[in-house]
């Protein structure tokens, strides 16, 4: 498939998004020249069509790396807990405090609300993607 300098200059803006989306030189050449018909009458038109039709999807931004949840141990009894629960490295029990009893209904309700919020966020992303 032979293109003139003028054809290449005209097609260059259509090729830029390919490389912005992470396509390598080899992948680009393969997409443009793979399965060519035996006779190409208008190489620039074929290249323009392939540049448009075979454009790969945009690369999604990588999700932020999650940091592992760190647990500390009480210096007295060695019970694990988050740093907020171990001021000075000592747990509530060793400090002589009675831990509050969690309300199982409230805990379940919080979990359900958090899950529904997550589903709504996913749904909004899908709707935005469908509009574009």
Protein backbone atom coordinates (compact mmCIF):
# COMPACT_ATOMS: atom_id res chain seq x y z
CA UNK A 1 0.00 0.00 0.00
CA UNK A 2 1.79 3.12 -1.22
CA UNK A 3 0.90 6.59 0.02
CA UNK A 4 2.17 9.93 -1.23
CA UNK A 5 3.72 12.52 1.07
CA UNK A 6 0.55 14.60 0.76
CA UNK A 7 -1.59 11.57 1.74
CA UNK A 8 0.65 10.91 4.76
CA UNK A 9 0.42 14.55 5.85
CA UNK A 10 -3.38 14.47 5.54
CA UNK A 11 -3.67 11.18 7.46
CA UNK A 12 -1.18 12.02 10.24
CA UNK A 13 -3.79 13.73 12.49
CA UNK A 14 -5.92 10.56 12.30
CA UNK A 15 -2.95 8.41 13.34
CA UNK A 16 -2.01 10.46 16.42
CA UNK A 17 -4.86 9.13 18.63
CA UNK A 18 -3.64 5.59 17.97
CA UNK A 19 -0.28 6.29 19.55
CA UNK A 20 -1.85 8.32 22.35
CA UNK A 21 -3.79 5.16 23.21
CA UNK A 22 -0.60 3.13 23.55
CA UNK A 23 -0.45 1.34 20.19
CA UNK A 24 3.07 0.26 19.21
CA UNK A 25 4.55 0.81 15.74
CA UNK A 26 4.19 -2.90 14.93
CA UNK A 27 0.54 -3.00 16.01
CA UNK A 28 -0.19 0.11 13.96
CA UNK A 29 1.42 -1.32 10.80
CA UNK A 30 -0.42 -4.62 11.30
CA UNK A 31 -3.78 -2.83 11.66
CA UNK A 32 -3.19 -0.73 8.54
CA UNK A 33 -1.78 -3.42 6.28
CA UNK A 34 -3.34 -6.65 7.58
CA UNK A 35 -5.74 -8.48 5.27
CA UNK A 36 -5.42 -6.04 2.39
CA UNK A 37 -7.43 -6.83 -0.73
CA UNK A 38 -5.44 -8.12 -3.73
CA UNK A 39 -5.75 -4.76 -5.44
CA UNK A 40 -5.95 -1.40 -3.66
CA UNK A 41 -7.29 1.32 -5.94
CA UNK A 42 -7.29 4.21 -3.48
CA UNK A 43 -4.72 3.61 -0.75
CA UNK A 44 -5.36 6.91 1.06
CA UNK A 45 -9.09 6.21 1.25
CA UNK A 46 -8.48 2.70 2.57
CA UNK A 47 -5.99 4.01 5.14
CA UNK A 48 -8.39 6.80 6.21
CA UNK A 49 -11.19 4.27 6.66
CA UNK A 50 -9.00 1.89 8.69
CA UNK A 51 -7.65 4.74 10.85
CA UNK A 52 -11.23 5.64 11.71
CA UNK A 53 -12.85 2.21 11.97
CA UNK A 54 -10.09 0.32 13.80
CA UNK A 55 -9.21 3.02 16.34
CA UNK A 56 -8.56 1.17 19.62
CA UNK A 57 -10.50 2.14 22.76
CA UNK A 58 -9.14 4.78 25.08
CA UNK A 59 -6.92 3.50 27.84
CA UNK A 60 -8.68 3.87 31.16
CA UNK A 61 -6.78 5.59 33.91
CA UNK A 62 -5.25 3.14 36.32
CA UNK A 63 -7.05 2.84 39.60
CA UNK A 64 -5.15 4.39 42.46
CA UNK A 65 -3.02 1.85 44.22
CA UNK A 66 -4.62 0.75 47.45
CA UNK A 67 -2.41 0.81 50.46
CA UNK A 68 -2.68 -2.19 52.77
CA UNK A 69 -4.69 -1.62 55.91
CA UNK A 70 -2.19 -1.48 58.72
CA UNK A 71 -3.00 -2.95 62.11
CA UNK A 72 -0.97 -2.31 65.22
CA UNK A 73 -0.73 -4.43 68.35
CA UNK A 74 -1.35 -3.39 71.89
CA UNK A 75 1.99 -3.29 73.70
CA UNK A 76 0.41 -4.94 76.78
CA UNK A 77 -1.91 -7.71 75.52
CA UNK A 78 -0.83 -7.80 71.84
CA UNK A 79 -4.41 -7.54 70.56
CA UNK A 80 -4.48 -6.08 67.01
CA UNK A 81 -6.28 -2.86 66.19
CA UNK A 82 -6.17 0.29 64.03
CA UNK A 83 -3.83 3.04 65.16
CA UNK A 84 -6.78 5.27 66.18
CA UNK A 85 -7.89 2.61 68.71
CA UNK A 86 -4.42 2.32 70.25
CA UNK A 87 -3.38 5.73 71.55
CA UNK A 88 0.03 5.37 73.11
CA UNK A 89 0.06 1.76 71.86
CA UNK A 90 -2.43 0.56 74.48
CA UNK A 91 -5.91 -0.79 73.72
CA UNK A 92 -9.10 0.23 75.55
CA UNK A 93 -9.25 -2.93 77.62
CA UNK A 94 -5.70 -2.45 78.92
CA UNK A 95 -6.47 1.23 79.63
CA UNK A 96 -9.45 0.07 81.71
CA UNK A 97 -12.14 1.35 79.35
CA UNK A 98 -15.10 -0.77 78.33
CA UNK A 99 -15.51 -0.93 74.57
CA UNK A 100 -18.88 0.29 73.26
CA UNK A 101 -21.20 -2.44 72.04
CA UNK A 102 -21.93 -2.02 68.35
CA UNK A 103 -25.57 -1.93 67.27
CA UNK A 104 -25.86 -4.87 64.83
CA UNK A 105 -28.82 -3.27 63.03
CA UNK A 106 -26.96 0.01 62.53
CA UNK A 107 -23.85 -1.80 61.31
CA UNK A 108 -25.88 -3.78 58.75
CA UNK A 109 -27.72 -0.64 57.62
CA UNK A 110 -24.41 1.18 57.12
CA UNK A 111 -23.09 -1.72 55.04
CA UNK A 112 -26.23 -1.76 52.88
CA UNK A 113 -26.06 2.00 52.32
CA UNK A 114 -22.38 1.79 51.39
CA UNK A 115 -23.07 -1.04 48.92
CA UNK A 116 -25.97 0.83 47.30
CA UNK A 117 -23.82 3.97 46.98
CA UNK A 118 -21.14 1.91 45.25
CA UNK A 119 -23.71 0.44 42.83
CA UNK A 120 -25.05 3.92 42.05
CA UNK A 121 -21.52 5.13 41.29
CA UNK A 122 -20.94 2.21 38.91
CA UNK A 123 -24.28 2.87 37.22
CA UNK A 124 -23.47 6.57 36.75
CA UNK A 125 -20.14 5.69 35.14
CA UNK A 126 -21.87 3.30 32.74
CA UNK A 127 -24.46 5.94 31.84
CA UNK A 128 -21.73 8.54 31.18
CA UNK A 129 -19.81 6.06 29.05
CA UNK A 130 -22.94 5.17 27.06
CA UNK A 131 -23.59 8.86 26.30
CA UNK A 132 -20.15 9.34 24.79
